[in-house]
Amino acid sequence: MNTTELPWTSNAKELDGEEGSSPCVGLGAIIYYCILLCLGLPVNILTAVALSRLAARTQKSSYWYLLALTASDILTQVFIIFAGFIVQAAILAREVPGAFAHTINVLQFTANHASIWVTVLLTMDRYVALCHPLQYRAVSYPARTQKIISAVFAISLATGIPFYWWLDVWHDNDPPTTIDKVLKWLHCFIIYFIPCSIFLVTNSMIICKLRHSGGPKRCLSKTTAILLAITTVFIILWAPRTFVMIYHLYMTSSNQVQGVHLALDIANMIAMLNTSLNFFLYCFVSKTFRRTVWEVLVSLRLPCKQSLREEIPSDPVLKPLGVLDSASL
């Protein structure tokens, strides 16, 4: 996301000093992102429909957080994978208007921040539910949850605005400027270091609470198991991108740029995989979610069957010979 390998970045240069596309953007990466989008976007839409039914049916805050997480994953796939990697890098393959590129940049960071910090909200919700159950009913209800989610999306947009200038300060061959360092470190703290610290602390407290309250045989609730799976996958998949970016900021030289570009490109591919895995995690953990997904699929098939039945005319009724419609017996 927002890296120097994009060919429309005016500051991205080859090692020979001429402007052009980065050698890291190849056919394999484009095919990977197309497959990821074609598989992940329908799956996330199906997840959103199923979670919206569960949220309306149960009125649980956790389902609203999972629904917001799915919505932010859809925005991430649209703005980062489709608009960023596929359209700008593969289809256009040329320099686009600066205002358009910078605006897409803000939307990319906004979707990325929202996806991560909604997961933080889900973590805090599970922590309060398990460690402070008496206060949970008073502080967690759908109306308040929706306001908190709206506030997080608004804050994500505000934190994405400074990255409007991300492309202007991303120089490979020149030493990093102060603004360059500030934006990159701000990005790393917002999307990885701060959320991961919260995940590790709250998840540790949740596990300790479960062990002391119910013994070693106590089973995790479905939502808590989903939370642990989501946060663990996020920490693993986003670690390469974060540390390669820091290495790129301080350790690269002119002879290492091409190799670091390739490492950063692979790290981006691994990180974007996170947007398509939640559906499978939900299906693996929750029987309720699997049943709701099946209900959604069945409801989608029933209108098709009904329309086919309406199109096929019914068999005509044979009437006795000599008896017309207007004749009376």
Protein backbone atom coordinates (compact mmCIF):
# COMPACT_ATOMS: atom_id res chain seq x y z
CA MET A 1 0.00 0.00 0.00
CA ASN A 2 1.34 3.39 -1.07
CA THR A 3 4.82 2.21 -1.89
CA THR A 4 7.46 3.26 -4.36
CA GLU A 5 6.91 0.38 -6.71
CA LEU A 6 3.83 2.09 -8.19
CA PRO A 7 4.74 3.23 -11.70
CA TRP A 8 2.72 6.44 -11.50
CA THR A 9 4.83 7.77 -8.61
CA SER A 10 6.92 10.54 -10.07
CA ASN A 11 9.70 10.04 -7.54
CA ALA A 12 10.16 6.32 -8.17
CA LYS A 13 13.24 5.78 -10.34
CA GLU A 14 15.17 2.87 -11.68
CA LEU A 15 18.69 2.20 -10.49
CA ASP A 16 20.01 3.75 -13.69
CA GLY A 17 18.42 7.07 -12.74
CA GLU A 18 15.69 7.20 -15.38
CA GLU A 19 12.02 7.54 -14.54
CA GLY A 20 9.94 4.44 -15.03
CA SER A 21 8.07 1.71 -13.34
CA SER A 22 9.65 -0.22 -10.57
CA PRO A 23 10.98 -3.69 -11.36
CA CYS A 24 9.03 -5.01 -8.37
CA VAL A 25 5.63 -4.63 -10.01
CA GLY A 26 5.30 -7.73 -12.13
CA LEU A 27 2.63 -9.86 -13.68
CA GLY A 28 2.65 -12.25 -10.73
CA ALA A 29 1.73 -9.52 -8.23
CA ILE A 30 -1.07 -8.23 -10.43
CA ILE A 31 -2.51 -11.74 -10.86
CA TYR A 32 -2.28 -12.25 -7.09
CA TYR A 33 -4.20 -9.05 -6.35
CA CYS A 34 -6.85 -9.85 -8.99
CA ILE A 35 -7.42 -13.29 -7.48
CA LEU A 36 -7.47 -11.83 -3.97
CA LEU A 37 -10.06 -9.24 -5.00
CA CYS A 38 -12.26 -11.66 -6.97
CA LEU A 39 -12.35 -14.10 -4.05
CA GLY A 40 -12.25 -11.71 -1.11
CA LEU A 41 -14.83 -9.11 -2.16
CA PRO A 42 -17.78 -11.53 -2.65
CA VAL A 43 -16.84 -13.38 0.53
CA ASN A 44 -16.78 -10.13 2.52
CA ILE A 45 -20.12 -9.05 1.08
CA LEU A 46 -21.61 -12.39 2.11
CA THR A 47 -20.06 -11.94 5.56
CA ALA A 48 -21.58 -8.47 5.87
CA VAL A 49 -25.07 -9.76 5.01
CA ALA A 50 -24.81 -12.62 7.50
CA LEU A 51 -23.46 -10.38 10.29
CA SER A 52 -26.15 -7.77 9.67
CA ARG A 53 -28.78 -10.47 10.20
CA LEU A 54 -27.10 -11.64 13.39
CA ALA A 55 -26.74 -8.07 14.67
CA ALA A 56 -30.41 -7.28 14.01
CA ARG A 57 -31.54 -10.59 15.50
CA THR A 58 -29.44 -10.67 18.68
CA GLN A 59 -28.72 -6.95 19.26
CA LYS A 60 -25.21 -7.84 20.46
CA SER A 61 -22.47 -5.23 20.27
CA SER A 62 -19.88 -7.78 19.20
CA TYR A 63 -21.75 -8.46 15.95
CA TRP A 64 -21.85 -4.73 15.19
CA TYR A 65 -18.08 -4.54 15.66
CA LEU A 66 -17.57 -7.55 13.39
CA LEU A 67 -19.89 -5.96 10.82
CA ALA A 68 -17.88 -2.71 10.96
CA LEU A 69 -14.67 -4.71 10.57
CA THR A 70 -16.07 -6.42 7.48
CA ALA A 71 -17.15 -3.05 6.03
CA SER A 72 -13.67 -1.62 6.55
CA ASP A 73 -12.14 -4.71 4.91
CA ILE A 74 -14.38 -4.12 1.89
CA LEU A 75 -13.22 -0.49 1.72
CA THR A 76 -9.61 -1.66 2.00
CA GLN A 77 -10.07 -4.05 -0.90
CA VAL A 78 -11.74 -1.37 -3.03
CA PHE A 79 -9.35 1.53 -2.34
CA ILE A 80 -6.04 -0.29 -1.84
CA ILE A 81 -6.21 -3.50 -3.87
CA PHE A 82 -8.51 -2.35 -6.69
CA ALA A 83 -7.87 1.39 -7.00
CA GLY A 84 -4.23 1.30 -5.89
CA PHE A 85 -2.60 -1.90 -7.07
CA ILE A 86 -4.82 -2.96 -9.99
CA VAL A 87 -6.15 0.26 -11.56
CA GLN A 88 -3.30 2.69 -10.96
CA ALA A 89 -0.40 0.25 -11.15
CA ALA A 90 -1.59 -2.29 -13.70
CA ILE A 91 -4.33 -0.77 -15.88
CA LEU A 92 -3.19 2.85 -16.12
CA ALA A 93 0.54 2.11 -15.80
CA ARG A 94 1.31 5.79 -16.21
CA GLU A 95 1.36 9.01 -14.25
CA VAL A 96 -2.13 10.05 -13.15
CA PRO A 97 -3.27 13.49 -11.96
CA GLY A 98 -1.65 14.32 -8.65
CA ALA A 99 -4.86 15.35 -6.87
CA PHE A 100 -6.52 12.05 -7.81
CA ALA A 101 -3.55 9.99 -6.60
CA HIS A 102 -3.33 11.91 -3.32
CA THR A 103 -7.09 11.62 -2.70
CA ILE A 104 -6.96 7.86 -3.24
CA ASN A 105 -4.03 7.87 -0.84
CA VAL A 106 -6.14 9.41 1.93
CA LEU A 107 -8.95 6.91 1.34
CA GLN A 108 -6.47 4.03 1.44
CA PHE A 109 -5.04 5.04 4.80
CA THR A 110 -8.54 5.78 6.15
CA ALA A 111 -9.79 2.28 5.28
CA ASN A 112 -6.60 0.73 6.67
CA HIS A 113 -6.82 2.62 9.98
CA ALA A 114 -10.55 1.88 10.35
CA SER A 115 -10.03 -1.85 9.82
CA ILE A 116 -7.34 -2.04 12.49
CA TRP A 117 -8.96 0.18 15.11
CA VAL A 118 -12.36 -1.47 14.82
CA THR A 119 -10.52 -4.64 15.80
CA VAL A 120 -9.18 -2.74 18.80
CA LEU A 121 -12.76 -1.82 19.72
CA LEU A 122 -13.78 -5.48 19.51
CA THR A 123 -10.87 -6.37 21.79
CA MET A 124 -11.91 -3.81 24.38
CA ASP A 125 -15.53 -4.96 24.13
CA ARG A 126 -14.55 -8.57 24.87
CA TYR A 127 -12.31 -7.45 27.72
CA VAL A 128 -15.13 -5.54 29.42
CA ALA A 129 -17.59 -8.40 28.81
CA LEU A 130 -15.35 -11.01 30.43
CA CYS A 131 -13.51 -9.04 33.10
CA HIS A 132 -16.29 -6.61 34.11
CA PRO A 133 -19.57 -8.39 33.29
CA LEU A 134 -21.71 -6.32 35.67
CA GLN A 135 -20.75 -3.06 33.98
CA TYR A 136 -20.89 -4.51 30.46
CA ARG A 137 -24.67 -4.36 30.04
CA ALA A 138 -24.70 -0.73 31.15
CA VAL A 139 -21.94 0.48 28.84
CA SER A 140 -22.41 -1.77 25.79
CA TYR A 141 -25.63 -1.61 23.79
CA PRO A 142 -26.30 -1.26 20.02
CA ALA A 143 -27.04 2.49 19.93
CA ARG A 144 -23.86 3.35 21.79
CA THR A 145 -21.84 0.82 19.80
CA GLN A 146 -22.94 2.40 16.51
CA LYS A 147 -21.92 5.86 17.75
CA ILE A 148 -18.49 4.56 18.77
CA ILE A 149 -18.01 2.89 15.40
CA SER A 150 -18.99 6.11 13.59
CA ALA A 151 -16.50 8.04 15.72
CA VAL A 152 -13.73 5.56 14.87
CA PHE A 153 -14.40 5.92 11.15
CA ALA A 154 -14.33 9.72 11.49
CA ILE A 155 -11.05 9.58 13.43
CA SER A 156 -9.63 7.22 10.81
CA LEU A 157 -10.43 9.78 8.13
CA ALA A 158 -8.76 12.50 10.20
CA THR A 159 -5.63 10.39 10.69
CA GLY A 160 -5.58 9.58 6.98
CA ILE A 161 -5.51 13.22 5.86
CA PRO A 162 -1.81 13.82 6.74
CA PHE A 163 -0.90 10.99 4.37
CA TYR A 164 -2.19 13.11 1.48
CA TRP A 165 1.49 14.10 1.10
CA TRP A 166 2.81 10.53 1.39
CA LEU A 167 3.80 10.27 -2.28
CA ASP A 168 5.59 13.62 -2.22
CA VAL A 169 7.98 12.59 0.53
CA TRP A 170 8.70 9.00 -0.53
CA HIS A 171 12.18 9.24 -2.05
CA ASP A 172 14.37 6.22 -2.66
CA ASN A 173 17.62 7.73 -3.83
CA ASP A 174 17.55 10.84 -1.65
CA PRO A 175 18.13 10.79 2.13
CA PRO A 176 14.84 10.75 4.06
CA THR A 177 13.62 14.13 5.17
CA THR A 178 12.14 14.92 8.57
CA ILE A 179 8.60 14.81 7.17
CA ASP A 180 9.41 11.50 5.53
CA LYS A 181 10.52 9.98 8.83
CA VAL A 182 7.58 11.42 10.76
CA LEU A 183 4.97 10.05 8.33
CA LYS A 184 6.54 6.61 8.16
CA TRP A 185 6.91 6.28 11.93
CA LEU A 186 3.38 7.64 12.43
CA HIS A 187 2.10 5.04 10.00
CA CYS A 188 3.94 2.21 11.76
CA PHE A 189 2.63 3.23 15.18
CA ILE A 190 -0.97 3.71 14.01
CA ILE A 191 -1.28 0.46 12.07
CA TYR A 192 0.97 -1.88 14.04
CA PHE A 193 2.82 -0.98 17.24
CA ILE A 194 -0.04 0.63 19.21
CA PRO A 195 -2.77 -1.85 18.12
CA CYS A 196 -0.51 -4.86 18.69
CA SER A 197 0.37 -3.62 22.17
CA ILE A 198 -3.33 -3.33 22.99
CA PHE A 199 -4.01 -6.78 21.53
CA LEU A 200 -1.26 -8.45 23.53
CA VAL A 201 -2.22 -6.79 26.83
CA THR A 202 -5.99 -7.28 26.59
CA ASN A 203 -5.80 -10.81 25.19
CA SER A 204 -3.40 -11.80 27.96
CA MET A 205 -5.79 -10.41 30.56
CA ILE A 206 -8.73 -12.20 28.95
CA ILE A 207 -6.90 -15.54 28.93
CA CYS A 208 -5.79 -15.11 32.54
CA LYS A 209 -9.34 -14.23 33.57
CA LEU A 210 -10.72 -17.33 31.88
CA ARG A 211 -8.13 -19.59 33.49
CA HIS A 212 -8.74 -18.28 37.00
CA SER A 213 -12.54 -18.20 36.73
CA GLY A 214 -13.32 -21.52 35.08
CA GLY A 215 -10.28 -23.74 35.30
CA PRO A 216 -8.30 -25.16 32.41
CA LYS A 217 -11.29 -26.94 30.87
CA ARG A 218 -13.33 -23.80 30.48
CA CYS A 219 -14.19 -23.23 26.82
CA LEU A 220 -13.79 -19.90 25.11
CA SER A 221 -16.92 -18.18 23.88
CA LYS A 222 -17.31 -18.03 20.13
CA THR A 223 -16.75 -14.28 19.95
CA THR A 224 -13.65 -14.45 22.14
CA ALA A 225 -12.22 -17.27 20.03
CA ILE A 226 -12.88 -15.21 16.88
CA LEU A 227 -11.18 -12.22 18.50
CA LEU A 228 -8.05 -14.21 19.38
CA ALA A 229 -7.90 -15.62 15.85
CA ILE A 230 -8.33 -12.21 14.19
CA THR A 231 -5.69 -10.48 16.29
CA THR A 232 -3.19 -13.32 15.96
CA VAL A 233 -3.53 -13.41 12.17
CA PHE A 234 -3.19 -9.63 12.00
CA ILE A 235 0.00 -9.57 14.09
CA ILE A 236 1.58 -12.26 11.93
CA LEU A 237 0.57 -10.93 8.51
CA TRP A 238 1.38 -7.25 9.12
CA ALA A 239 4.75 -7.80 10.81
CA PRO A 240 6.80 -8.18 7.57
CA ARG A 241 5.50 -4.95 6.04
CA THR A 242 6.16 -2.92 9.18
CA PHE A 243 9.72 -4.09 9.73
CA VAL A 244 10.68 -3.94 6.03
CA MET A 245 9.46 -0.34 5.96
CA ILE A 246 11.61 0.58 8.97
CA TYR A 247 14.60 -1.20 7.41
CA HIS A 248 13.96 0.70 4.18
CA LEU A 249 13.93 3.98 6.09
CA TYR A 250 17.30 3.62 7.82
CA MET A 251 19.37 0.79 6.34
CA THR A 252 19.03 0.86 2.58
CA SER A 253 21.62 2.20 0.19
CA SER A 254 21.57 2.75 -3.56
CA ASN A 255 22.77 -0.83 -4.11
CA GLN A 256 20.00 -2.34 -1.98
CA VAL A 257 16.96 -0.46 -3.27
CA GLN A 258 15.84 -3.12 -5.75
CA GLY A 259 16.00 -5.94 -3.19
CA VAL A 260 14.15 -3.92 -0.57
CA HIS A 261 11.50 -3.01 -3.15
CA LEU A 262 10.94 -6.69 -3.80
CA ALA A 263 10.75 -7.46 -0.06
CA LEU A 264 8.28 -4.61 0.48
CA ASP A 265 6.16 -5.76 -2.45
CA ILE A 266 5.95 -9.29 -1.01
CA ALA A 267 5.21 -7.87 2.45
CA ASN A 268 2.31 -5.86 0.98
CA MET A 269 0.91 -9.00 -0.62
CA ILE A 270 1.06 -10.84 2.70
CA ALA A 271 -0.57 -7.95 4.57
CA MET A 272 -3.45 -7.62 2.09
CA LEU A 273 -4.23 -11.31 2.56
CA ASN A 274 -5.62 -10.32 5.96
CA THR A 275 -8.65 -8.68 4.29
CA SER A 276 -9.97 -12.01 2.97
CA LEU A 277 -9.42 -14.45 5.83
CA ASN A 278 -12.00 -13.36 8.41
CA PHE A 279 -14.88 -15.17 6.69
CA PHE A 280 -13.07 -18.49 6.97
CA LEU A 281 -12.15 -17.80 10.59
CA TYR A 282 -15.80 -17.10 11.41
CA CYS A 283 -16.96 -20.26 9.65
CA PHE A 284 -14.33 -22.37 11.39
CA VAL A 285 -15.15 -21.10 14.88
CA SER A 286 -18.86 -20.28 14.94
CA LYS A 287 -21.67 -22.70 14.13
CA THR A 288 -24.16 -19.83 14.40
CA PHE A 289 -22.34 -17.92 11.68
CA ARG A 290 -22.23 -20.97 9.42
CA ARG A 291 -25.96 -21.50 9.85
CA THR A 292 -26.68 -17.84 9.08
CA VAL A 293 -24.50 -17.94 5.96
CA TRP A 294 -26.44 -20.99 4.80
CA GLU A 295 -29.71 -19.13 5.40
CA VAL A 296 -28.44 -16.23 3.28
CA LEU A 297 -27.44 -18.56 0.46
CA VAL A 298 -30.77 -20.37 0.59
CA SER A 299 -32.66 -17.06 0.50
CA LEU A 300 -30.67 -16.09 -2.58
CA ARG A 301 -31.58 -19.34 -4.34
CA LEU A 302 -35.29 -19.30 -3.53
CA PRO A 303 -36.17 -16.19 -5.61
CA CYS A 304 -34.42 -17.80 -8.59
CA LYS A 305 -36.49 -20.97 -8.23
CA GLN A 306 -39.71 -18.98 -7.83
CA SER A 307 -38.99 -16.93 -10.95
CA LEU A 308 -38.36 -20.10 -12.94
CA ARG A 309 -41.64 -21.57 -11.74
CA GLU A 310 -43.50 -18.41 -12.79
CA GLU A 311 -41.97 -18.52 -16.26
CA ILE A 312 -43.03 -22.17 -16.89
CA PRO A 313 -46.77 -22.29 -17.74
CA SER A 314 -48.91 -24.82 -15.95
CA ASP A 315 -50.32 -27.78 -17.84
CA PRO A 316 -53.64 -26.95 -19.52
CA VAL A 317 -56.71 -28.62 -18.11
CA LEU A 318 -58.34 -30.96 -20.57
CA LYS A 319 -62.03 -30.29 -21.03
CA PRO A 320 -64.61 -32.75 -22.27
CA LEU A 321 -65.35 -32.60 -25.97
CA GLY A 322 -68.26 -30.47 -26.97
CA VAL A 323 -68.23 -28.33 -23.84
CA LEU A 324 -67.15 -24.77 -24.54
CA ASP A 325 -66.10 -22.11 -22.03
CA SER A 326 -69.38 -20.24 -22.49
CA ALA A 327 -71.62 -23.30 -22.59
CA SER A 328 -73.62 -24.40 -19.59
CA LEU A 329 -74.14 -27.98 -18.67
